[in-house]
Amino acid sequence: MLRTRHHVSRQPATSSIITLTKTVLYKIPASEVTRKLAERPAGIQALHKLLTHHTLLLKTRIAAQTSNYDKVLQALLHLGYLYGEEKNNAIYMTMYFSKKMLANYLHLSYATVASICKRLVAQGILHDEPHGMIIYPKADANL
């Protein structure tokens, strides 16, 4: 469990967060974030990309009840778009997310996630390495 440090307001946090490393949270007014983004066009572009992808992902999840396979694939794509770099029709992620982390996030068993990842590798959609992952979203016509 993480305790938050508020520098703008001394009110207690209404959310709990679990992190893998020691983390300090700062409460920053939305107006300050907007001002900073307006000063940096690259920031607005990154925010637009993130929000567009997140909106599409949520539409996909809402539109259909997804299987465990789809849940794992969508989570990998979501993480890829957030933390990876798109190039050569692939998403390169140097930040590694373990199968156990994915299982916890998706409320699935480790065995289920591991089996699905093996299937994604066999289908040519995922290349899983100790230092990161490569996702080939075009390999699956449903993406």
C-alpha atoms as a PDB file:
ATOM      1  CA  MET A   1       0.000   0.000   0.000  1.00  0.00           C
ATOM      2  CA  LEU A   2       1.193   3.467  -0.787  1.00  0.00           C
ATOM      3  CA  ARG A   3       0.709   6.574   1.266  1.00  0.00           C
ATOM      4  CA  THR A   4       0.372   9.748  -0.693  1.00  0.00           C
ATOM      5  CA  ARG A   5       2.012  13.080  -0.058  1.00  0.00           C
ATOM      6  CA  HIS A   6      -0.169  16.050  -0.955  1.00  0.00           C
ATOM      7  CA  HIS A   7       1.565  19.365  -1.549  1.00  0.00           C
ATOM      8  CA  VAL A   8      -1.479  21.349  -2.664  1.00  0.00           C
ATOM      9  CA  SER A   9      -4.088  19.953  -0.319  1.00  0.00           C
ATOM     10  CA  ARG A  10      -3.794  18.230   3.056  1.00  0.00           C
ATOM     11  CA  GLN A  11      -6.889  16.079   2.489  1.00  0.00           C
ATOM     12  CA  PRO A  12      -6.452  12.303   2.756  1.00  0.00           C
ATOM     13  CA  ALA A  13      -6.284  10.303  -0.456  1.00  0.00           C
ATOM     14  CA  THR A  14      -9.459   8.621  -1.640  1.00  0.00           C
ATOM     15  CA  SER A  15      -7.610   5.984  -3.684  1.00  0.00           C
ATOM     16  CA  SER A  16      -5.121   3.282  -2.894  1.00  0.00           C
ATOM     17  CA  ILE A  17      -2.276   2.370  -5.205  1.00  0.00           C
ATOM     18  CA  ILE A  18       0.055  -0.616  -5.285  1.00  0.00           C
ATOM     19  CA  THR A  19       3.463  -0.002  -6.886  1.00  0.00           C
ATOM     20  CA  LEU A  20       6.485  -2.179  -7.535  1.00  0.00           C
ATOM     21  CA  THR A  21       8.905   0.468  -6.306  1.00  0.00           C
ATOM     22  CA  LYS A  22       8.863   3.229  -3.709  1.00  0.00           C
ATOM     23  CA  THR A  23       6.732   6.033  -5.127  1.00  0.00           C
ATOM     24  CA  VAL A  24       5.787   9.563  -4.112  1.00  0.00           C
ATOM     25  CA  LEU A  25       2.574  11.053  -5.490  1.00  0.00           C
ATOM     26  CA  TYR A  26       1.966  14.750  -5.938  1.00  0.00           C
ATOM     27  CA  LYS A  27      -1.439  16.318  -6.358  1.00  0.00           C
ATOM     28  CA  ILE A  28      -1.200  18.853  -9.194  1.00  0.00           C
ATOM     29  CA  PRO A  29      -4.131  21.016 -10.337  1.00  0.00           C
ATOM     30  CA  ALA A  30      -5.471  20.153 -13.810  1.00  0.00           C
ATOM     31  CA  SER A  31      -5.004  23.784 -14.863  1.00  0.00           C
ATOM     32  CA  GLU A  32      -1.249  23.452 -14.247  1.00  0.00           C
ATOM     33  CA  VAL A  33      -1.067  20.292 -16.346  1.00  0.00           C
ATOM     34  CA  THR A  34      -3.005  21.975 -19.158  1.00  0.00           C
ATOM     35  CA  ARG A  35      -0.695  24.987 -19.074  1.00  0.00           C
ATOM     36  CA  LYS A  36       2.427  22.792 -19.238  1.00  0.00           C
ATOM     37  CA  LEU A  37       1.005  20.770 -22.129  1.00  0.00           C
ATOM     38  CA  ALA A  38       0.139  23.936 -24.054  1.00  0.00           C
ATOM     39  CA  GLU A  39       3.772  25.039 -23.736  1.00  0.00           C
ATOM     40  CA  ARG A  40       5.021  21.793 -25.264  1.00  0.00           C
ATOM     41  CA  PRO A  41       3.379  20.646 -28.520  1.00  0.00           C
ATOM     42  CA  ALA A  42       4.997  17.204 -28.239  1.00  0.00           C
ATOM     43  CA  GLY A  43       3.224  16.765 -24.894  1.00  0.00           C
ATOM     44  CA  ILE A  44      -0.159  17.458 -26.423  1.00  0.00           C
ATOM     45  CA  GLN A  45       0.566  15.028 -29.266  1.00  0.00           C
ATOM     46  CA  ALA A  46       1.553  12.305 -26.800  1.00  0.00           C
ATOM     47  CA  LEU A  47      -1.558  12.960 -24.713  1.00  0.00           C
ATOM     48  CA  HIS A  48      -3.752  12.865 -27.830  1.00  0.00           C
ATOM     49  CA  LYS A  49      -2.221   9.545 -28.913  1.00  0.00           C
ATOM     50  CA  LEU A  50      -2.709   8.073 -25.458  1.00  0.00           C
ATOM     51  CA  LEU A  51      -6.308   9.244 -25.107  1.00  0.00           C
ATOM     52  CA  THR A  52      -7.224   8.108 -28.623  1.00  0.00           C
ATOM     53  CA  HIS A  53      -5.793   4.657 -28.033  1.00  0.00           C
ATOM     54  CA  HIS A  54      -7.387   4.409 -24.583  1.00  0.00           C
ATOM     55  CA  THR A  55     -10.784   5.389 -25.990  1.00  0.00           C
ATOM     56  CA  LEU A  56     -10.534   2.766 -28.738  1.00  0.00           C
ATOM     57  CA  LEU A  57      -9.500   0.147 -26.208  1.00  0.00           C
ATOM     58  CA  LEU A  58     -12.453   0.945 -23.954  1.00  0.00           C
ATOM     59  CA  LYS A  59     -14.859   0.827 -26.924  1.00  0.00           C
ATOM     60  CA  THR A  60     -13.506  -2.594 -27.830  1.00  0.00           C
ATOM     61  CA  ARG A  61     -13.934  -3.887 -24.283  1.00  0.00           C
ATOM     62  CA  ILE A  62     -17.448  -2.504 -23.967  1.00  0.00           C
ATOM     63  CA  ALA A  63     -18.600  -3.656 -27.404  1.00  0.00           C
ATOM     64  CA  ALA A  64     -18.013  -7.339 -26.768  1.00  0.00           C
ATOM     65  CA  GLN A  65     -17.516  -9.744 -23.957  1.00  0.00           C
ATOM     66  CA  THR A  66     -13.950 -10.767 -24.535  1.00  0.00           C
ATOM     67  CA  SER A  67     -12.362 -14.136 -24.000  1.00  0.00           C
ATOM     68  CA  ASN A  68      -9.295 -14.551 -21.824  1.00  0.00           C
ATOM     69  CA  TYR A  69      -7.235 -14.634 -25.038  1.00  0.00           C
ATOM     70  CA  ASP A  70      -8.654 -11.256 -26.068  1.00  0.00           C
ATOM     71  CA  LYS A  71      -8.124  -9.829 -22.586  1.00  0.00           C
ATOM     72  CA  VAL A  72      -4.432 -10.765 -22.592  1.00  0.00           C
ATOM     73  CA  LEU A  73      -3.910  -9.542 -26.152  1.00  0.00           C
ATOM     74  CA  GLN A  74      -5.682  -6.235 -25.490  1.00  0.00           C
ATOM     75  CA  ALA A  75      -3.698  -5.716 -22.268  1.00  0.00           C
ATOM     76  CA  LEU A  76      -0.421  -6.350 -24.108  1.00  0.00           C
ATOM     77  CA  LEU A  77      -1.421  -3.932 -26.858  1.00  0.00           C
ATOM     78  CA  HIS A  78      -2.474  -1.333 -24.297  1.00  0.00           C
ATOM     79  CA  LEU A  79       0.848  -1.621 -22.465  1.00  0.00           C
ATOM     80  CA  GLY A  80       2.665  -1.537 -25.781  1.00  0.00           C
ATOM     81  CA  TYR A  81       0.983   1.673 -26.870  1.00  0.00           C
ATOM     82  CA  LEU A  82       1.640   3.240 -23.469  1.00  0.00           C
ATOM     83  CA  TYR A  83       5.244   2.176 -22.916  1.00  0.00           C
ATOM     84  CA  GLY A  84       6.494   1.002 -26.288  1.00  0.00           C
ATOM     85  CA  GLU A  85       7.734   2.505 -29.505  1.00  0.00           C
ATOM     86  CA  GLU A  86       5.919   1.854 -32.762  1.00  0.00           C
ATOM     87  CA  LYS A  87       8.153   1.192 -35.761  1.00  0.00           C
ATOM     88  CA  ASN A  88       8.306  -1.241 -38.684  1.00  0.00           C
ATOM     89  CA  ASN A  89       4.698  -2.406 -38.110  1.00  0.00           C
ATOM     90  CA  ALA A  90       5.592  -3.554 -34.602  1.00  0.00           C
ATOM     91  CA  ILE A  91       5.536  -2.218 -31.047  1.00  0.00           C
ATOM     92  CA  TYR A  92       8.844  -2.518 -29.196  1.00  0.00           C
ATOM     93  CA  MET A  93       8.609  -2.529 -25.402  1.00  0.00           C
ATOM     94  CA  THR A  94      11.814  -2.344 -23.425  1.00  0.00           C
ATOM     95  CA  MET A  95       9.842  -2.209 -20.181  1.00  0.00           C
ATOM     96  CA  TYR A  96       9.147  -5.807 -19.244  1.00  0.00           C
ATOM     97  CA  PHE A  97       5.828  -6.920 -17.795  1.00  0.00           C
ATOM     98  CA  SER A  98       5.883 -10.437 -16.395  1.00  0.00           C
ATOM     99  CA  LYS A  99       3.123 -12.931 -17.000  1.00  0.00           C
ATOM    100  CA  LYS A 100       2.439 -12.860 -13.254  1.00  0.00           C
ATOM    101  CA  MET A 101       1.935  -9.086 -13.418  1.00  0.00           C
ATOM    102  CA  LEU A 102      -0.466  -9.492 -16.359  1.00  0.00           C
ATOM    103  CA  ALA A 103      -2.335 -12.257 -14.538  1.00  0.00           C
ATOM    104  CA  ASN A 104      -2.789 -10.089 -11.451  1.00  0.00           C
ATOM    105  CA  TYR A 105      -3.886  -7.091 -13.533  1.00  0.00           C
ATOM    106  CA  LEU A 106      -6.426  -9.128 -15.519  1.00  0.00           C
ATOM    107  CA  HIS A 107      -7.594 -11.249 -12.560  1.00  0.00           C
ATOM    108  CA  LEU A 108      -6.586 -14.420 -14.404  1.00  0.00           C
ATOM    109  CA  SER A 109      -4.389 -17.309 -13.328  1.00  0.00           C
ATOM    110  CA  TYR A 110      -0.717 -17.315 -14.197  1.00  0.00           C
ATOM    111  CA  ALA A 111      -1.200 -20.599 -16.098  1.00  0.00           C
ATOM    112  CA  THR A 112      -3.900 -19.017 -18.276  1.00  0.00           C
ATOM    113  CA  VAL A 113      -1.763 -15.984 -19.136  1.00  0.00           C
ATOM    114  CA  ALA A 114       1.336 -18.137 -19.791  1.00  0.00           C
ATOM    115  CA  SER A 115      -0.656 -20.423 -22.084  1.00  0.00           C
ATOM    116  CA  ILE A 116      -2.121 -17.494 -24.005  1.00  0.00           C
ATOM    117  CA  CYS A 117       1.317 -15.870 -24.379  1.00  0.00           C
ATOM    118  CA  LYS A 118       2.671 -19.139 -25.814  1.00  0.00           C
ATOM    119  CA  ARG A 119      -0.219 -19.116 -28.276  1.00  0.00           C
ATOM    120  CA  LEU A 120       0.506 -15.492 -29.239  1.00  0.00           C
ATOM    121  CA  VAL A 121       4.166 -16.401 -29.824  1.00  0.00           C
ATOM    122  CA  ALA A 122       3.147 -19.384 -31.984  1.00  0.00           C
ATOM    123  CA  GLN A 123       0.825 -17.102 -34.000  1.00  0.00           C
ATOM    124  CA  GLY A 124       3.627 -14.589 -34.595  1.00  0.00           C
ATOM    125  CA  ILE A 125       1.851 -11.802 -32.691  1.00  0.00           C
ATOM    126  CA  LEU A 126       4.250 -11.685 -29.736  1.00  0.00           C
ATOM    127  CA  HIS A 127       8.002 -12.040 -29.381  1.00  0.00           C
ATOM    128  CA  ASP A 128       8.743 -12.383 -25.662  1.00  0.00           C
ATOM    129  CA  GLU A 129      12.293 -11.773 -24.405  1.00  0.00           C
ATOM    130  CA  PRO A 130      13.795 -11.290 -20.931  1.00  0.00           C
ATOM    131  CA  HIS A 131      14.503  -7.604 -21.674  1.00  0.00           C
ATOM    132  CA  GLY A 132      11.174  -6.739 -23.289  1.00  0.00           C
ATOM    133  CA  MET A 133       8.521  -7.679 -25.803  1.00  0.00           C
ATOM    134  CA  ILE A 134       7.792  -7.065 -29.447  1.00  0.00           C
ATOM    135  CA  ILE A 135       4.153  -7.058 -30.489  1.00  0.00           C
ATOM    136  CA  TYR A 136       3.112  -7.410 -34.123  1.00  0.00           C
ATOM    137  CA  PRO A 137      -0.481  -6.098 -34.115  1.00  0.00           C
ATOM    138  CA  LYS A 138      -0.924  -6.479 -37.895  1.00  0.00           C
ATOM    139  CA  ALA A 139      -0.332 -10.247 -37.622  1.00  0.00           C
ATOM    140  CA  ASP A 140      -3.905 -10.656 -36.331  1.00  0.00           C
ATOM    141  CA  ALA A 141      -6.630  -9.404 -38.690  1.00  0.00           C
ATOM    142  CA  ASN A 142      -8.967  -8.778 -35.721  1.00  0.00           C
ATOM    143  CA  LEU A 143      -6.799  -5.979 -34.299  1.00  0.00           C
END
